[in-house]
Every structure is written in structure tokens, then in C-alpha cells.
PDB file of N, CA and C in Angstrom:
ATOM      1  N   MET A   1     -28.510 -12.846-131.536  1.00  0.00           N
ATOM      2  CA  MET A   1     -27.934 -11.919-130.577  1.00  0.00           C
ATOM      3  C   MET A   1     -28.059 -12.482-129.161  1.00  0.00           C
ATOM      4  N   TYR A   2     -29.244 -13.003-128.821  1.00  0.00           N
ATOM      5  CA  TYR A   2     -29.437 -13.514-127.469  1.00  0.00           C
ATOM      6  C   TYR A   2     -28.585 -14.745-127.210  1.00  0.00           C
ATOM      7  N   GLY A   3     -28.412 -15.559-128.244  1.00  0.00           N
ATOM      8  CA  GLY A   3     -27.541 -16.721-128.116  1.00  0.00           C
ATOM      9  C   GLY A   3     -26.097 -16.317-127.874  1.00  0.00           C
ATOM     10  N   TRP A   4     -25.658 -15.267-128.550  1.00  0.00           N
ATOM     11  CA  TRP A   4     -24.295 -14.779-128.369  1.00  0.00           C
ATOM     12  C   TRP A   4     -24.092 -14.309-126.935  1.00  0.00           C
ATOM     13  N   ILE A   5     -25.078 -13.562-126.394  1.00  0.00           N
ATOM     14  CA  ILE A   5     -24.983 -13.086-125.010  1.00  0.00           C
ATOM     15  C   ILE A   5     -24.990 -14.273-124.050  1.00  0.00           C
ATOM     16  N   TRP A   6     -25.893 -15.230-124.276  1.00  0.00           N
ATOM     17  CA  TRP A   6     -26.028 -16.387-123.391  1.00  0.00           C
ATOM     18  C   TRP A   6     -24.732 -17.193-123.337  1.00  0.00           C
ATOM     19  N   GLN A   7     -24.065 -17.360-124.456  1.00  0.00           N
ATOM     20  CA  GLN A   7     -22.831 -18.144-124.505  1.00  0.00           C
ATOM     21  C   GLN A   7     -21.684 -17.451-123.777  1.00  0.00           C
ATOM     22  N   ARG A   8     -21.700 -16.144-123.708  1.00  0.00           N
ATOM     23  CA  ARG A   8     -20.599 -15.414-123.086  1.00  0.00           C
ATOM     24  C   ARG A   8     -20.800 -15.116-121.607  1.00  0.00           C
ATOM     25  N   LEU A   9     -21.980 -15.413-121.087  1.00  0.00           N
ATOM     26  CA  LEU A   9     -22.210 -15.214-119.661  1.00  0.00           C
ATOM     27  C   LEU A   9     -21.510 -16.304-118.861  1.00  0.00           C
ATOM     28  N   PRO A  10     -20.949 -15.949-117.703  1.00  0.00           N
ATOM     29  CA  PRO A  10     -20.247 -16.950-116.893  1.00  0.00           C
ATOM     30  C   PRO A  10     -21.222 -17.834-116.120  1.00  0.00           C
ATOM     31  N   GLY A  11     -20.771 -19.015-115.777  1.00  0.00           N
ATOM     32  CA  GLY A  11     -21.539 -19.902-114.910  1.00  0.00           C
ATOM     33  C   GLY A  11     -22.405 -20.892-115.656  1.00  0.00           C
ATOM     34  N   LYS A  12     -23.158 -21.646-114.859  1.00  0.00           N
ATOM     35  CA  LYS A  12     -24.069 -22.629-115.415  1.00  0.00           C
ATOM     36  C   LYS A  12     -25.449 -22.010-115.551  1.00  0.00           C
ATOM     37  N   LEU A  13     -26.474 -22.801-115.659  1.00  0.00           N
ATOM     38  CA  LEU A  13     -27.818 -22.312-115.949  1.00  0.00           C
ATOM     39  C   LEU A  13     -28.311 -21.293-114.920  1.00  0.00           C
ATOM     40  N   GLY A  14     -28.167 -21.597-113.625  1.00  0.00           N
ATOM     41  CA  GLY A  14     -28.637 -20.672-112.593  1.00  0.00           C
ATOM     42  C   GLY A  14     -27.881 -19.355-112.601  1.00  0.00           C
ATOM     43  N   GLY A  15     -26.585 -19.420-112.779  1.00  0.00           N
ATOM     44  CA  GLY A  15     -25.767 -18.214-112.826  1.00  0.00           C
ATOM     45  C   GLY A  15     -26.081 -17.368-114.048  1.00  0.00           C
ATOM     46  N   LYS A  16     -26.268 -18.030-115.181  1.00  0.00           N
ATOM     47  CA  LYS A  16     -26.602 -17.296-116.398  1.00  0.00           C
ATOM     48  C   LYS A  16     -27.970 -16.643-116.278  1.00  0.00           C
ATOM     49  N   ALA A  17     -28.919 -17.338-115.683  1.00  0.00           N
ATOM     50  CA  ALA A  17     -30.255 -16.769-115.507  1.00  0.00           C
ATOM     51  C   ALA A  17     -30.195 -15.531-114.614  1.00  0.00           C
ATOM     52  N   THR A  18     -29.375 -15.591-113.572  1.00  0.00           N
ATOM     53  CA  THR A  18     -29.202 -14.438-112.692  1.00  0.00           C
ATOM     54  C   THR A  18     -28.600 -13.266-113.465  1.00  0.00           C
ATOM     55  N   TRP A  19     -27.586 -13.539-114.281  1.00  0.00           N
ATOM     56  CA  TRP A  19     -26.969 -12.481-115.082  1.00  0.00           C
ATOM     57  C   TRP A  19     -27.957 -11.873-116.062  1.00  0.00           C
ATOM     58  N   VAL A  20     -28.808 -12.708-116.660  1.00  0.00           N
ATOM     59  CA  VAL A  20     -29.801 -12.196-117.604  1.00  0.00           C
ATOM     60  C   VAL A  20     -30.769 -11.248-116.894  1.00  0.00           C
ATOM     61  N   VAL A  21     -31.216 -11.613-115.707  1.00  0.00           N
ATOM     62  CA  VAL A  21     -32.124 -10.753-114.945  1.00  0.00           C
ATOM     63  C   VAL A  21     -31.428  -9.446-114.580  1.00  0.00           C
ATOM     64  N   LEU A  22     -30.187  -9.515-114.129  1.00  0.00           N
ATOM     65  CA  LEU A  22     -29.443  -8.303-113.770  1.00  0.00           C
ATOM     66  C   LEU A  22     -29.207  -7.394-114.980  1.00  0.00           C
ATOM     67  N   LEU A  23     -28.871  -7.995-116.116  1.00  0.00           N
ATOM     68  CA  LEU A  23     -28.686  -7.197-117.326  1.00  0.00           C
ATOM     69  C   LEU A  23     -29.997  -6.553-117.774  1.00  0.00           C
ATOM     70  N   GLY A  24     -31.093  -7.274-117.633  1.00  0.00           N
ATOM     71  CA  GLY A  24     -32.397  -6.718-117.977  1.00  0.00           C
ATOM     72  C   GLY A  24     -32.759  -5.536-117.094  1.00  0.00           C
ATOM     73  N   ILE A  25     -32.523  -5.670-115.792  1.00  0.00           N
ATOM     74  CA  ILE A  25     -32.795  -4.572-114.862  1.00  0.00           C
ATOM     75  C   ILE A  25     -31.903  -3.370-115.177  1.00  0.00           C
ATOM     76  N   ALA A  26     -30.647  -3.628-115.513  1.00  0.00           N
ATOM     77  CA  ALA A  26     -29.733  -2.535-115.857  1.00  0.00           C
ATOM     78  C   ALA A  26     -30.189  -1.816-117.122  1.00  0.00           C
ATOM     79  N   MET A  27     -30.660  -2.552-118.112  1.00  0.00           N
ATOM     80  CA  MET A  27     -31.128  -1.928-119.346  1.00  0.00           C
ATOM     81  C   MET A  27     -32.390  -1.102-119.101  1.00  0.00           C
ATOM     82  N   ILE A  28     -33.305  -1.619-118.292  1.00  0.00           N
ATOM     83  CA  ILE A  28     -34.522  -0.868-117.969  1.00  0.00           C
ATOM     84  C   ILE A  28     -34.174   0.411-117.224  1.00  0.00           C
ATOM     85  N   ALA A  29     -33.247   0.329-116.265  1.00  0.00           N
ATOM     86  CA  ALA A  29     -32.835   1.520-115.518  1.00  0.00           C
ATOM     87  C   ALA A  29     -32.156   2.531-116.435  1.00  0.00           C
ATOM     88  N   LEU A  30     -31.326   2.070-117.344  1.00  0.00           N
ATOM     89  CA  LEU A  30     -30.663   2.962-118.294  1.00  0.00           C
ATOM     90  C   LEU A  30     -31.690   3.690-119.146  1.00  0.00           C
ATOM     91  N   LEU A  31     -32.680   2.970-119.653  1.00  0.00           N
ATOM     92  CA  LEU A  31     -33.720   3.610-120.450  1.00  0.00           C
ATOM     93  C   LEU A  31     -34.540   4.586-119.613  1.00  0.00           C
ATOM     94  N   TRP A  32     -34.934   4.151-118.419  1.00  0.00           N
ATOM     95  CA  TRP A  32     -35.838   4.950-117.579  1.00  0.00           C
ATOM     96  C   TRP A  32     -35.199   6.257-117.120  1.00  0.00           C
ATOM     97  N   PHE A  33     -33.926   6.195-116.704  1.00  0.00           N
ATOM     98  CA  PHE A  33     -33.292   7.365-116.097  1.00  0.00           C
ATOM     99  C   PHE A  33     -32.457   8.204-117.062  1.00  0.00           C
ATOM    100  N   LEU A  34     -32.045   7.658-118.198  1.00  0.00           N
ATOM    101  CA  LEU A  34     -31.206   8.427-119.120  1.00  0.00           C
ATOM    102  C   LEU A  34     -31.860   8.665-120.476  1.00  0.00           C
ATOM    103  N   VAL A  35     -32.325   7.629-121.116  1.00  0.00           N
ATOM    104  CA  VAL A  35     -32.807   7.759-122.493  1.00  0.00           C
ATOM    105  C   VAL A  35     -34.167   8.449-122.548  1.00  0.00           C
ATOM    106  N   PHE A  36     -35.121   8.010-121.739  1.00  0.00           N
ATOM    107  CA  PHE A  36     -36.453   8.605-121.791  1.00  0.00           C
ATOM    108  C   PHE A  36     -36.459  10.079-121.379  1.00  0.00           C
ATOM    109  N   PRO A  37     -35.753  10.488-120.319  1.00  0.00           N
ATOM    110  CA  PRO A  37     -35.712  11.933-120.022  1.00  0.00           C
ATOM    111  C   PRO A  37     -35.077  12.748-121.150  1.00  0.00           C
ATOM    112  N   TRP A  38     -34.029  12.223-121.776  1.00  0.00           N
ATOM    113  CA  TRP A  38     -33.420  12.914-122.903  1.00  0.00           C
ATOM    114  C   TRP A  38     -34.417  13.046-124.045  1.00  0.00           C
ATOM    115  N   ALA A  39     -35.135  11.973-124.343  1.00  0.00           N
ATOM    116  CA  ALA A  39     -36.091  11.990-125.447  1.00  0.00           C
ATOM    117  C   ALA A  39     -37.234  12.956-125.179  1.00  0.00           C
ATOM    118  N   THR A  40     -37.664  13.079-123.947  1.00  0.00           N
ATOM    119  CA  THR A  40     -38.763  13.981-123.617  1.00  0.00           C
ATOM    120  C   THR A  40     -38.372  15.431-123.889  1.00  0.00           C
ATOM    121  N   ILE A  41     -37.133  15.781-123.640  1.00  0.00           N
ATOM    122  CA  ILE A  41     -36.659  17.145-123.851  1.00  0.00           C
ATOM    123  C   ILE A  41     -36.472  17.439-125.342  1.00  0.00           C
ATOM    124  N   HIS A  42     -35.933  16.487-126.086  1.00  0.00           N
ATOM    125  CA  HIS A  42     -35.527  16.737-127.464  1.00  0.00           C
ATOM    126  C   HIS A  42     -36.564  16.369-128.525  1.00  0.00           C
ATOM    127  N   LEU A  43     -37.592  15.644-128.184  1.00  0.00           N
ATOM    128  CA  LEU A  43     -38.594  15.243-129.161  1.00  0.00           C
ATOM    129  C   LEU A  43     -39.933  15.919-128.852  1.00  0.00           C
ATOM    130  N   PRO A  44     -40.643  16.327-129.874  1.00  0.00           N
ATOM    131  CA  PRO A  44     -41.932  17.010-129.648  1.00  0.00           C
ATOM    132  C   PRO A  44     -43.060  16.013-129.361  1.00  0.00           C
ATOM    133  N   ILE A  45     -42.938  15.274-128.280  1.00  0.00           N
ATOM    134  CA  ILE A  45     -43.914  14.236-127.958  1.00  0.00           C
ATOM    135  C   ILE A  45     -45.222  14.846-127.489  1.00  0.00           C
ATOM    136  N   ASP A  46     -45.196  15.927-126.736  1.00  0.00           N
ATOM    137  CA  ASP A  46     -46.414  16.492-126.161  1.00  0.00           C
ATOM    138  C   ASP A  46     -47.131  17.461-127.106  1.00  0.00           C
ATOM    139  N   GLN A  47     -46.634  17.671-128.291  1.00  0.00           N
ATOM    140  CA  GLN A  47     -47.266  18.575-129.249  1.00  0.00           C
ATOM    141  C   GLN A  47     -48.142  17.774-130.211  1.00  0.00           C
ATOM    142  N   VAL A  48     -49.233  17.245-129.680  1.00  0.00           N
ATOM    143  CA  VAL A  48     -50.118  16.412-130.466  1.00  0.00           C
ATOM    144  C   VAL A  48     -51.357  17.218-130.827  1.00  0.00           C
ATOM    145  N   GLY A  49     -51.744  17.159-132.068  1.00  0.00           N
ATOM    146  CA  GLY A  49     -52.941  17.881-132.484  1.00  0.00           C
ATOM    147  C   GLY A  49     -53.251  17.599-133.937  1.00  0.00           C
ATOM    148  N   VAL A  50     -54.476  17.961-134.333  1.00  0.00           N
ATOM    149  CA  VAL A  50     -54.902  17.780-135.710  1.00  0.00           C
ATOM    150  C   VAL A  50     -55.087  19.159-136.331  1.00  0.00           C
ATOM    151  N   GLY A  51     -54.594  19.302-137.511  1.00  0.00           N
ATOM    152  CA  GLY A  51     -54.751  20.582-138.194  1.00  0.00           C
ATOM    153  C   GLY A  51     -53.549  21.495-137.969  1.00  0.00           C
ATOM    154  N   GLY A  52     -53.609  22.647-138.532  1.00  0.00           N
ATOM    155  CA  GLY A  52     -52.469  23.534-138.501  1.00  0.00           C
ATOM    156  C   GLY A  52     -52.609  24.628-137.535  1.00  0.00           C
TER     157      GLY A  52
END
């Protein structure tokens, strides 16, 4: 998968490295601001306990 992404990025080594960093930051931001808040609301993460 990473090879496929690397081959399709434009530019030479420096340009590709920049794109990889930007894509990584975009993925982290997507998870932080959209996926994790959604998961906190819909998943019983804070209901931790032993027994009934």
C-alpha cells in the first residue's frame, strides 16, 4: 500500500517526502477532529467496570 502511494506522489524524493508529511498530518487531523469525537459519542468507552 505504501509503495503504491509513494509511486503516485508527484515530484522527486524531496517533494514526495513533503507530500508524505502533509498526508500524515491530514490523516491525524481527520482522526483527531472527526473520527475520535464520533467514536466517543457512539461507543461505551467510559463505561468501564467489573461485575454486573
